[in-house]
């Protein structure tokens, strides 16, 4: 299960989270984003020690811009409110697992 991020809850859910957070920057019109979505859900289900959240860049381009998201899907991993690692494009599950296990 994942959390839908908005401009209202982003700070609370990401910056003030007591767990590391994997944020999926996506859009409904993005084919690779739709292909990555089930993989991101698997990661969420298999890793209760992290929070998984999604931000629709079409709805919140200002937030995506703050993190330099230029193409989607982009996954950014946050620890203690800091962006520590990222992955851009359609990637295999193992790449995401490596991202969150560092």
PDB file of N, CA and C in Angstrom:
ATOM      1  N   UNK A   1       0.840  -1.185   0.000  1.00  0.00           N
ATOM      2  CA  UNK A   1       0.000   0.000   0.000  1.00  0.00           C
ATOM      3  C   UNK A   1       0.885   1.249   0.000  1.00  0.00           C
ATOM      4  N   UNK A   2       0.426   2.252  -0.686  1.00  0.00           N
ATOM      5  CA  UNK A   2       1.199   3.484  -0.757  1.00  0.00           C
ATOM      6  C   UNK A   2       0.341   4.673  -0.322  1.00  0.00           C
ATOM      7  N   UNK A   3       1.005   5.792  -0.125  1.00  0.00           N
ATOM      8  CA  UNK A   3       0.352   7.037   0.255  1.00  0.00           C
ATOM      9  C   UNK A   3       0.353   7.967  -0.950  1.00  0.00           C
ATOM     10  N   UNK A   4      -0.772   8.609  -1.214  1.00  0.00           N
ATOM     11  CA  UNK A   4      -0.842   9.616  -2.285  1.00  0.00           C
ATOM     12  C   UNK A   4      -0.381  10.940  -1.694  1.00  0.00           C
ATOM     13  N   UNK A   5       0.666  11.507  -2.277  1.00  0.00           N
ATOM     14  CA  UNK A   5       1.192  12.769  -1.780  1.00  0.00           C
ATOM     15  C   UNK A   5       0.517  13.962  -2.447  1.00  0.00           C
ATOM     16  N   UNK A   6       0.364  15.018  -1.680  1.00  0.00           N
ATOM     17  CA  UNK A   6      -0.183  16.282  -2.166  1.00  0.00           C
ATOM     18  C   UNK A   6       0.684  17.402  -1.593  1.00  0.00           C
ATOM     19  N   UNK A   7       0.411  18.622  -2.005  1.00  0.00           N
ATOM     20  CA  UNK A   7       1.158  19.737  -1.428  1.00  0.00           C
ATOM     21  C   UNK A   7       0.816  19.898   0.055  1.00  0.00           C
ATOM     22  N   UNK A   8      -0.354  19.423   0.470  1.00  0.00           N
ATOM     23  CA  UNK A   8      -0.761  19.542   1.872  1.00  0.00           C
ATOM     24  C   UNK A   8      -0.070  18.535   2.788  1.00  0.00           C
ATOM     25  N   UNK A   9       0.221  17.328   2.290  1.00  0.00           N
ATOM     26  CA  UNK A   9       0.780  16.307   3.186  1.00  0.00           C
ATOM     27  C   UNK A   9       2.242  15.953   2.901  1.00  0.00           C
ATOM     28  N   UNK A  10       2.865  16.554   1.892  1.00  0.00           N
ATOM     29  CA  UNK A  10       4.220  16.163   1.504  1.00  0.00           C
ATOM     30  C   UNK A  10       5.210  16.315   2.665  1.00  0.00           C
ATOM     31  N   UNK A  11       5.224  17.471   3.308  1.00  0.00           N
ATOM     32  CA  UNK A  11       6.173  17.707   4.412  1.00  0.00           C
ATOM     33  C   UNK A  11       6.001  16.669   5.521  1.00  0.00           C
ATOM     34  N   UNK A  12       4.754  16.455   5.918  1.00  0.00           N
ATOM     35  CA  UNK A  12       4.471  15.513   7.009  1.00  0.00           C
ATOM     36  C   UNK A  12       4.873  14.087   6.631  1.00  0.00           C
ATOM     37  N   UNK A  13       4.487  13.660   5.429  1.00  0.00           N
ATOM     38  CA  UNK A  13       4.696  12.263   5.038  1.00  0.00           C
ATOM     39  C   UNK A  13       6.139  11.961   4.621  1.00  0.00           C
ATOM     40  N   UNK A  14       6.881  12.954   4.140  1.00  0.00           N
ATOM     41  CA  UNK A  14       8.241  12.711   3.651  1.00  0.00           C
ATOM     42  C   UNK A  14       9.287  13.301   4.598  1.00  0.00           C
ATOM     43  N   UNK A  15       9.255  14.606   4.787  1.00  0.00           N
ATOM     44  CA  UNK A  15      10.291  15.265   5.588  1.00  0.00           C
ATOM     45  C   UNK A  15      10.215  14.915   7.072  1.00  0.00           C
ATOM     46  N   UNK A  16       9.004  14.698   7.580  1.00  0.00           N
ATOM     47  CA  UNK A  16       8.837  14.437   9.017  1.00  0.00           C
ATOM     48  C   UNK A  16       8.520  12.974   9.307  1.00  0.00           C
ATOM     49  N   UNK A  17       8.740  12.108   8.343  1.00  0.00           N
ATOM     50  CA  UNK A  17       8.438  10.691   8.516  1.00  0.00           C
ATOM     51  C   UNK A  17       9.413  10.041   9.493  1.00  0.00           C
ATOM     52  N   UNK A  18       8.885   9.118  10.302  1.00  0.00           N
ATOM     53  CA  UNK A  18       9.757   8.372  11.212  1.00  0.00           C
ATOM     54  C   UNK A  18      10.395   7.166  10.518  1.00  0.00           C
ATOM     55  N   UNK A  19      10.010   6.922   9.264  1.00  0.00           N
ATOM     56  CA  UNK A  19      10.584   5.832   8.467  1.00  0.00           C
ATOM     57  C   UNK A  19      11.201   6.425   7.205  1.00  0.00           C
ATOM     58  N   UNK A  20      12.160   5.711   6.589  1.00  0.00           N
ATOM     59  CA  UNK A  20      12.614   6.127   5.255  1.00  0.00           C
ATOM     60  C   UNK A  20      11.432   6.078   4.276  1.00  0.00           C
ATOM     61  N   UNK A  21      11.467   6.936   3.248  1.00  0.00           N
ATOM     62  CA  UNK A  21      10.340   7.047   2.317  1.00  0.00           C
ATOM     63  C   UNK A  21      10.831   6.926   0.878  1.00  0.00           C
ATOM     64  N   UNK A  22      10.192   6.047   0.114  1.00  0.00           N
ATOM     65  CA  UNK A  22      10.426   5.937  -1.317  1.00  0.00           C
ATOM     66  C   UNK A  22       9.298   6.682  -2.009  1.00  0.00           C
ATOM     67  N   UNK A  23       9.649   7.746  -2.748  1.00  0.00           N
ATOM     68  CA  UNK A  23       8.637   8.536  -3.444  1.00  0.00           C
ATOM     69  C   UNK A  23       8.710   8.242  -4.938  1.00  0.00           C
ATOM     70  N   UNK A  24       7.570   7.856  -5.493  1.00  0.00           N
ATOM     71  CA  UNK A  24       7.425   7.586  -6.917  1.00  0.00           C
ATOM     72  C   UNK A  24       6.804   8.826  -7.563  1.00  0.00           C
ATOM     73  N   UNK A  25       7.596   9.533  -8.368  1.00  0.00           N
ATOM     74  CA  UNK A  25       7.097  10.675  -9.130  1.00  0.00           C
ATOM     75  C   UNK A  25       6.587  10.117 -10.456  1.00  0.00           C
ATOM     76  N   UNK A  26       5.302  10.299 -10.734  1.00  0.00           N
ATOM     77  CA  UNK A  26       4.653   9.637 -11.867  1.00  0.00           C
ATOM     78  C   UNK A  26       3.565  10.526 -12.457  1.00  0.00           C
ATOM     79  N   UNK A  27       2.919  10.049 -13.527  1.00  0.00           N
ATOM     80  CA  UNK A  27       1.727  10.690 -14.105  1.00  0.00           C
ATOM     81  C   UNK A  27       0.893   9.613 -14.791  1.00  0.00           C
ATOM     82  N   UNK A  28      -0.436   9.820 -14.836  1.00  0.00           N
ATOM     83  CA  UNK A  28      -1.306   8.792 -15.435  1.00  0.00           C
ATOM     84  C   UNK A  28      -1.082   8.617 -16.929  1.00  0.00           C
ATOM     85  N   UNK A  29      -0.615   9.638 -17.620  1.00  0.00           N
ATOM     86  CA  UNK A  29      -0.395   9.548 -19.073  1.00  0.00           C
ATOM     87  C   UNK A  29       0.928   8.865 -19.422  1.00  0.00           C
ATOM     88  N   UNK A  30       1.718   8.525 -18.426  1.00  0.00           N
ATOM     89  CA  UNK A  30       3.066   7.970 -18.632  1.00  0.00           C
ATOM     90  C   UNK A  30       3.022   6.437 -18.663  1.00  0.00           C
ATOM     91  N   UNK A  31       3.258   5.854 -19.830  1.00  0.00           N
ATOM     92  CA  UNK A  31       3.249   4.396 -19.982  1.00  0.00           C
ATOM     93  C   UNK A  31       4.253   3.689 -19.074  1.00  0.00           C
ATOM     94  N   UNK A  32       5.525   4.111 -19.065  1.00  0.00           N
ATOM     95  CA  UNK A  32       6.490   3.471 -18.163  1.00  0.00           C
ATOM     96  C   UNK A  32       6.097   3.592 -16.691  1.00  0.00           C
ATOM     97  N   UNK A  33       5.443   4.695 -16.322  1.00  0.00           N
ATOM     98  CA  UNK A  33       4.974   4.850 -14.938  1.00  0.00           C
ATOM     99  C   UNK A  33       3.944   3.776 -14.596  1.00  0.00           C
ATOM    100  N   UNK A  34       3.029   3.538 -15.528  1.00  0.00           N
ATOM    101  CA  UNK A  34       1.999   2.514 -15.304  1.00  0.00           C
ATOM    102  C   UNK A  34       2.631   1.118 -15.231  1.00  0.00           C
ATOM    103  N   UNK A  35       3.691   0.906 -16.010  1.00  0.00           N
ATOM    104  CA  UNK A  35       4.370  -0.392 -15.975  1.00  0.00           C
ATOM    105  C   UNK A  35       5.135  -0.584 -14.659  1.00  0.00           C
ATOM    106  N   UNK A  36       5.641   0.502 -14.106  1.00  0.00           N
ATOM    107  CA  UNK A  36       6.418   0.426 -12.864  1.00  0.00           C
ATOM    108  C   UNK A  36       5.515   0.327 -11.628  1.00  0.00           C
ATOM    109  N   UNK A  37       4.288   0.796 -11.734  1.00  0.00           N
ATOM    110  CA  UNK A  37       3.384   0.862 -10.582  1.00  0.00           C
ATOM    111  C   UNK A  37       3.228  -0.461  -9.826  1.00  0.00           C
ATOM    112  N   UNK A  38       3.008  -1.610 -10.505  1.00  0.00           N
ATOM    113  CA  UNK A  38       2.871  -2.862  -9.745  1.00  0.00           C
ATOM    114  C   UNK A  38       4.155  -3.248  -9.018  1.00  0.00           C
ATOM    115  N   UNK A  39       5.289  -2.906  -9.580  1.00  0.00           N
ATOM    116  CA  UNK A  39       6.581  -3.198  -8.940  1.00  0.00           C
ATOM    117  C   UNK A  39       6.726  -2.352  -7.672  1.00  0.00           C
ATOM    118  N   UNK A  40       6.338  -1.090  -7.765  1.00  0.00           N
ATOM    119  CA  UNK A  40       6.397  -0.201  -6.602  1.00  0.00           C
ATOM    120  C   UNK A  40       5.459  -0.715  -5.509  1.00  0.00           C
ATOM    121  N   UNK A  41       4.288  -1.212  -5.893  1.00  0.00           N
ATOM    122  CA  UNK A  41       3.356  -1.776  -4.910  1.00  0.00           C
ATOM    123  C   UNK A  41       3.951  -3.020  -4.235  1.00  0.00           C
ATOM    124  N   UNK A  42       4.638  -3.862  -5.010  1.00  0.00           N
ATOM    125  CA  UNK A  42       5.309  -5.040  -4.426  1.00  0.00           C
ATOM    126  C   UNK A  42       6.355  -4.597  -3.412  1.00  0.00           C
ATOM    127  N   UNK A  43       7.131  -3.588  -3.775  1.00  0.00           N
ATOM    128  CA  UNK A  43       8.152  -3.071  -2.858  1.00  0.00           C
ATOM    129  C   UNK A  43       7.488  -2.595  -1.564  1.00  0.00           C
ATOM    130  N   UNK A  44       6.366  -1.895  -1.695  1.00  0.00           N
ATOM    131  CA  UNK A  44       5.634  -1.406  -0.514  1.00  0.00           C
ATOM    132  C   UNK A  44       5.175  -2.568   0.359  1.00  0.00           C
ATOM    133  N   UNK A  45       4.621  -3.606  -0.260  1.00  0.00           N
ATOM    134  CA  UNK A  45       4.108  -4.756   0.484  1.00  0.00           C
ATOM    135  C   UNK A  45       5.224  -5.555   1.160  1.00  0.00           C
ATOM    136  N   UNK A  46       6.378  -5.635   0.508  1.00  0.00           N
ATOM    137  CA  UNK A  46       7.468  -6.483   0.995  1.00  0.00           C
ATOM    138  C   UNK A  46       8.419  -5.766   1.952  1.00  0.00           C
ATOM    139  N   UNK A  47       8.275  -4.460   2.118  1.00  0.00           N
ATOM    140  CA  UNK A  47       9.219  -3.695   2.935  1.00  0.00           C
ATOM    141  C   UNK A  47       8.491  -2.799   3.932  1.00  0.00           C
ATOM    142  N   UNK A  48       7.932  -3.395   4.988  1.00  0.00           N
ATOM    143  CA  UNK A  48       7.173  -2.596   5.957  1.00  0.00           C
ATOM    144  C   UNK A  48       8.040  -1.588   6.724  1.00  0.00           C
ATOM    145  N   UNK A  49       9.357  -1.736   6.635  1.00  0.00           N
ATOM    146  CA  UNK A  49      10.252  -0.821   7.345  1.00  0.00           C
ATOM    147  C   UNK A  49      10.392   0.530   6.648  1.00  0.00           C
ATOM    148  N   UNK A  50       9.818   0.644   5.430  1.00  0.00           N
ATOM    149  CA  UNK A  50       9.833   1.921   4.718  1.00  0.00           C
ATOM    150  C   UNK A  50       8.407   2.333   4.377  1.00  0.00           C
ATOM    151  N   UNK A  51       8.254   3.599   4.063  1.00  0.00           N
ATOM    152  CA  UNK A  51       6.975   4.130   3.593  1.00  0.00           C
ATOM    153  C   UNK A  51       7.114   4.326   2.088  1.00  0.00           C
ATOM    154  N   UNK A  52       6.092   3.969   1.335  1.00  0.00           N
ATOM    155  CA  UNK A  52       6.092   4.184  -0.115  1.00  0.00           C
ATOM    156  C   UNK A  52       4.983   5.180  -0.438  1.00  0.00           C
ATOM    157  N   UNK A  53       5.359   6.203  -1.199  1.00  0.00           N
ATOM    158  CA  UNK A  53       4.417   7.270  -1.521  1.00  0.00           C
ATOM    159  C   UNK A  53       4.504   7.607  -3.005  1.00  0.00           C
ATOM    160  N   UNK A  54       3.418   8.131  -3.556  1.00  0.00           N
ATOM    161  CA  UNK A  54       3.379   8.498  -4.977  1.00  0.00           C
ATOM    162  C   UNK A  54       2.965   9.958  -5.110  1.00  0.00           C
ATOM    163  N   UNK A  55       3.630  10.655  -6.022  1.00  0.00           N
ATOM    164  CA  UNK A  55       3.282  12.043  -6.300  1.00  0.00           C
ATOM    165  C   UNK A  55       3.013  12.190  -7.783  1.00  0.00           C
ATOM    166  N   UNK A  56       1.798  12.617  -8.129  1.00  0.00           N
ATOM    167  CA  UNK A  56       1.437  12.831  -9.522  1.00  0.00           C
ATOM    168  C   UNK A  56       2.023  14.177  -9.968  1.00  0.00           C
ATOM    169  N   UNK A  57       3.011  14.126 -10.864  1.00  0.00           N
ATOM    170  CA  UNK A  57       3.702  15.349 -11.293  1.00  0.00           C
ATOM    171  C   UNK A  57       2.799  16.271 -12.108  1.00  0.00           C
ATOM    172  N   UNK A  58       1.748  15.737 -12.708  1.00  0.00           N
ATOM    173  CA  UNK A  58       0.804  16.581 -13.437  1.00  0.00           C
ATOM    174  C   UNK A  58       0.031  17.483 -12.470  1.00  0.00           C
ATOM    175  N   UNK A  59      -0.254  16.954 -11.283  1.00  0.00           N
ATOM    176  CA  UNK A  59      -0.995  17.708 -10.276  1.00  0.00           C
ATOM    177  C   UNK A  59      -0.096  18.628  -9.448  1.00  0.00           C
ATOM    178  N   UNK A  60       1.171  18.229  -9.259  1.00  0.00           N
ATOM    179  CA  UNK A  60       2.081  18.976  -8.381  1.00  0.00           C
ATOM    180  C   UNK A  60       3.447  19.186  -9.033  1.00  0.00           C
ATOM    181  N   UNK A  61       3.477  19.884 -10.170  1.00  0.00           N
ATOM    182  CA  UNK A  61       4.751  20.079 -10.868  1.00  0.00           C
ATOM    183  C   UNK A  61       5.757  20.890 -10.052  1.00  0.00           C
ATOM    184  N   UNK A  62       5.264  21.753  -9.156  1.00  0.00           N
ATOM    185  CA  UNK A  62       6.167  22.551  -8.328  1.00  0.00           C
ATOM    186  C   UNK A  62       6.994  21.675  -7.388  1.00  0.00           C
ATOM    187  N   UNK A  63       6.363  20.653  -6.810  1.00  0.00           N
ATOM    188  CA  UNK A  63       7.092  19.747  -5.907  1.00  0.00           C
ATOM    189  C   UNK A  63       8.110  18.937  -6.706  1.00  0.00           C
ATOM    190  N   UNK A  64       7.695  18.415  -7.851  1.00  0.00           N
ATOM    191  CA  UNK A  64       8.622  17.653  -8.702  1.00  0.00           C
ATOM    192  C   UNK A  64       9.810  18.526  -9.083  1.00  0.00           C
ATOM    193  N   UNK A  65       9.549  19.783  -9.394  1.00  0.00           N
ATOM    194  CA  UNK A  65      10.613  20.713  -9.774  1.00  0.00           C
ATOM    195  C   UNK A  65      11.617  20.947  -8.659  1.00  0.00           C
ATOM    196  N   UNK A  66      11.155  20.964  -7.428  1.00  0.00           N
ATOM    197  CA  UNK A  66      12.054  21.165  -6.271  1.00  0.00           C
ATOM    198  C   UNK A  66      13.117  20.080  -6.198  1.00  0.00           C
ATOM    199  N   UNK A  67      12.771  18.893  -6.672  1.00  0.00           N
ATOM    200  CA  UNK A  67      13.689  17.762  -6.595  1.00  0.00           C
ATOM    201  C   UNK A  67      14.358  17.464  -7.933  1.00  0.00           C
ATOM    202  N   UNK A  68      14.215  18.375  -8.886  1.00  0.00           N
ATOM    203  CA  UNK A  68      14.889  18.225 -10.175  1.00  0.00           C
ATOM    204  C   UNK A  68      14.357  17.099 -11.027  1.00  0.00           C
ATOM    205  N   UNK A  69      13.100  16.718 -10.816  1.00  0.00           N
ATOM    206  CA  UNK A  69      12.505  15.636 -11.600  1.00  0.00           C
ATOM    207  C   UNK A  69      12.231  16.168 -13.006  1.00  0.00           C
ATOM    208  N   UNK A  70      12.988  15.651 -13.975  1.00  0.00           N
ATOM    209  CA  UNK A  70      12.872  16.096 -15.356  1.00  0.00           C
ATOM    210  C   UNK A  70      12.172  15.070 -16.236  1.00  0.00           C
ATOM    211  N   UNK A  71      12.256  13.800 -15.856  1.00  0.00           N
ATOM    212  CA  UNK A  71      11.568  12.757 -16.608  1.00  0.00           C
ATOM    213  C   UNK A  71      10.989  11.760 -15.614  1.00  0.00           C
ATOM    214  N   UNK A  72       9.953  11.085 -16.048  1.00  0.00           N
ATOM    215  CA  UNK A  72       9.287  10.147 -15.151  1.00  0.00           C
ATOM    216  C   UNK A  72       9.190   8.784 -15.824  1.00  0.00           C
ATOM    217  N   UNK A  73       9.111   7.725 -15.057  1.00  0.00           N
ATOM    218  CA  UNK A  73       9.068   7.703 -13.602  1.00  0.00           C
ATOM    219  C   UNK A  73      10.436   8.022 -12.979  1.00  0.00           C
ATOM    220  N   UNK A  74      10.391   8.725 -11.871  1.00  0.00           N
ATOM    221  CA  UNK A  74      11.572   8.955 -11.043  1.00  0.00           C
ATOM    222  C   UNK A  74      11.232   8.486  -9.643  1.00  0.00           C
ATOM    223  N   UNK A  75      12.114   7.708  -9.061  1.00  0.00           N
ATOM    224  CA  UNK A  75      11.977   7.270  -7.675  1.00  0.00           C
ATOM    225  C   UNK A  75      13.059   7.974  -6.871  1.00  0.00           C
ATOM    226  N   UNK A  76      12.672   8.602  -5.769  1.00  0.00           N
ATOM    227  CA  UNK A  76      13.646   9.235  -4.878  1.00  0.00           C
ATOM    228  C   UNK A  76      13.458   8.632  -3.496  1.00  0.00           C
ATOM    229  N   UNK A  77      14.582   8.228  -2.900  1.00  0.00           N
ATOM    230  CA  UNK A  77      14.562   7.620  -1.574  1.00  0.00           C
ATOM    231  C   UNK A  77      15.020   8.649  -0.555  1.00  0.00           C
ATOM    232  N   UNK A  78      14.189   8.875   0.451  1.00  0.00           N
ATOM    233  CA  UNK A  78      14.468   9.856   1.503  1.00  0.00           C
ATOM    234  C   UNK A  78      14.747   9.144   2.821  1.00  0.00           C
ATOM    235  N   UNK A  79      15.783   9.609   3.523  1.00  0.00           N
ATOM    236  CA  UNK A  79      16.062   9.156   4.889  1.00  0.00           C
ATOM    237  C   UNK A  79      16.213  10.400   5.746  1.00  0.00           C
ATOM    238  N   UNK A  80      15.527  10.402   6.869  1.00  0.00           N
ATOM    239  CA  UNK A  80      15.586  11.548   7.790  1.00  0.00           C
ATOM    240  C   UNK A  80      15.298  12.866   7.070  1.00  0.00           C
ATOM    241  N   UNK A  81      14.352  12.841   6.146  1.00  0.00           N
ATOM    242  CA  UNK A  81      13.944  14.046   5.451  1.00  0.00           C
ATOM    243  C   UNK A  81      14.865  14.504   4.340  1.00  0.00           C
ATOM    244  N   UNK A  82      15.919  13.739   4.053  1.00  0.00           N
ATOM    245  CA  UNK A  82      16.877  14.105   3.011  1.00  0.00           C
ATOM    246  C   UNK A  82      16.791  13.127   1.846  1.00  0.00           C
ATOM    247  N   UNK A  83      16.847  13.649   0.625  1.00  0.00           N
ATOM    248  CA  UNK A  83      16.907  12.783  -0.558  1.00  0.00           C
ATOM    249  C   UNK A  83      18.299  12.171  -0.608  1.00  0.00           C
ATOM    250  N   UNK A  84      18.388  10.844  -0.514  1.00  0.00           N
ATOM    251  CA  UNK A  84      19.696  10.186  -0.461  1.00  0.00           C
ATOM    252  C   UNK A  84      20.041   9.402  -1.716  1.00  0.00           C
ATOM    253  N   UNK A  85      19.041   9.031  -2.508  1.00  0.00           N
ATOM    254  CA  UNK A  85      19.315   8.270  -3.728  1.00  0.00           C
ATOM    255  C   UNK A  85      18.118   8.387  -4.660  1.00  0.00           C
ATOM    256  N   UNK A  86      18.369   8.133  -5.940  1.00  0.00           N
ATOM    257  CA  UNK A  86      17.292   8.256  -6.923  1.00  0.00           C
ATOM    258  C   UNK A  86      17.503   7.297  -8.078  1.00  0.00           C
ATOM    259  N   UNK A  87      16.417   7.022  -8.774  1.00  0.00           N
ATOM    260  CA  UNK A  87      16.430   6.183  -9.962  1.00  0.00           C
ATOM    261  C   UNK A  87      15.471   6.815 -10.962  1.00  0.00           C
ATOM    262  N   UNK A  88      15.893   6.891 -12.220  1.00  0.00           N
ATOM    263  CA  UNK A  88      15.057   7.500 -13.259  1.00  0.00           C
ATOM    264  C   UNK A  88      14.754   6.468 -14.330  1.00  0.00           C
ATOM    265  N   UNK A  89      13.491   6.412 -14.746  1.00  0.00           N
ATOM    266  CA  UNK A  89      13.091   5.517 -15.817  1.00  0.00           C
ATOM    267  C   UNK A  89      12.524   4.210 -15.298  1.00  0.00           C
ATOM    268  N   UNK A  90      12.119   3.380 -16.229  1.00  0.00           N
ATOM    269  CA  UNK A  90      11.564   2.067 -15.913  1.00  0.00           C
ATOM    270  C   UNK A  90      12.718   1.150 -15.543  1.00  0.00           C
ATOM    271  N   UNK A  91      12.746   0.706 -14.297  1.00  0.00           N
ATOM    272  CA  UNK A  91      13.845  -0.129 -13.807  1.00  0.00           C
ATOM    273  C   UNK A  91      13.308  -1.436 -13.255  1.00  0.00           C
ATOM    274  N   UNK A  92      14.203  -2.399 -13.133  1.00  0.00           N
ATOM    275  CA  UNK A  92      13.817  -3.684 -12.565  1.00  0.00           C
ATOM    276  C   UNK A  92      13.678  -3.560 -11.052  1.00  0.00           C
ATOM    277  N   UNK A  93      12.925  -4.485 -10.495  1.00  0.00           N
ATOM    278  CA  UNK A  93      12.678  -4.501  -9.055  1.00  0.00           C
ATOM    279  C   UNK A  93      13.986  -4.521  -8.272  1.00  0.00           C
ATOM    280  N   UNK A  94      14.977  -5.254  -8.752  1.00  0.00           N
ATOM    281  CA  UNK A  94      16.254  -5.357  -8.037  1.00  0.00           C
ATOM    282  C   UNK A  94      16.935  -3.997  -7.893  1.00  0.00           C
ATOM    283  N   UNK A  95      16.765  -3.122  -8.886  1.00  0.00           N
ATOM    284  CA  UNK A  95      17.352  -1.776  -8.812  1.00  0.00           C
ATOM    285  C   UNK A  95      16.697  -0.987  -7.674  1.00  0.00           C
ATOM    286  N   UNK A  96      15.387  -1.127  -7.541  1.00  0.00           N
ATOM    287  CA  UNK A  96      14.669  -0.429  -6.474  1.00  0.00           C
ATOM    288  C   UNK A  96      15.059  -1.009  -5.115  1.00  0.00           C
ATOM    289  N   UNK A  97      15.199  -2.334  -5.035  1.00  0.00           N
ATOM    290  CA  UNK A  97      15.601  -2.968  -3.789  1.00  0.00           C
ATOM    291  C   UNK A  97      16.993  -2.472  -3.370  1.00  0.00           C
ATOM    292  N   UNK A  98      17.893  -2.330  -4.334  1.00  0.00           N
ATOM    293  CA  UNK A  98      19.219  -1.808  -4.021  1.00  0.00           C
ATOM    294  C   UNK A  98      19.153  -0.365  -3.538  1.00  0.00           C
ATOM    295  N   UNK A  99      18.264   0.411  -4.133  1.00  0.00           N
ATOM    296  CA  UNK A  99      18.079   1.815  -3.780  1.00  0.00           C
ATOM    297  C   UNK A  99      17.699   1.945  -2.303  1.00  0.00           C
ATOM    298  N   UNK A 100      16.788   1.091  -1.845  1.00  0.00           N
ATOM    299  CA  UNK A 100      16.292   1.208  -0.466  1.00  0.00           C
ATOM    300  C   UNK A 100      17.138   0.444   0.552  1.00  0.00           C
ATOM    301  N   UNK A 101      18.066  -0.369   0.093  1.00  0.00           N
ATOM    302  CA  UNK A 101      18.858  -1.164   1.057  1.00  0.00           C
ATOM    303  C   UNK A 101      20.221  -0.558   1.349  1.00  0.00           C
ATOM    304  N   UNK A 102      20.559   0.531   0.697  1.00  0.00           N
ATOM    305  CA  UNK A 102      21.877   1.143   0.927  1.00  0.00           C
ATOM    306  C   UNK A 102      21.959   1.836   2.268  1.00  0.00           C
TER     307      UNK A 102
END
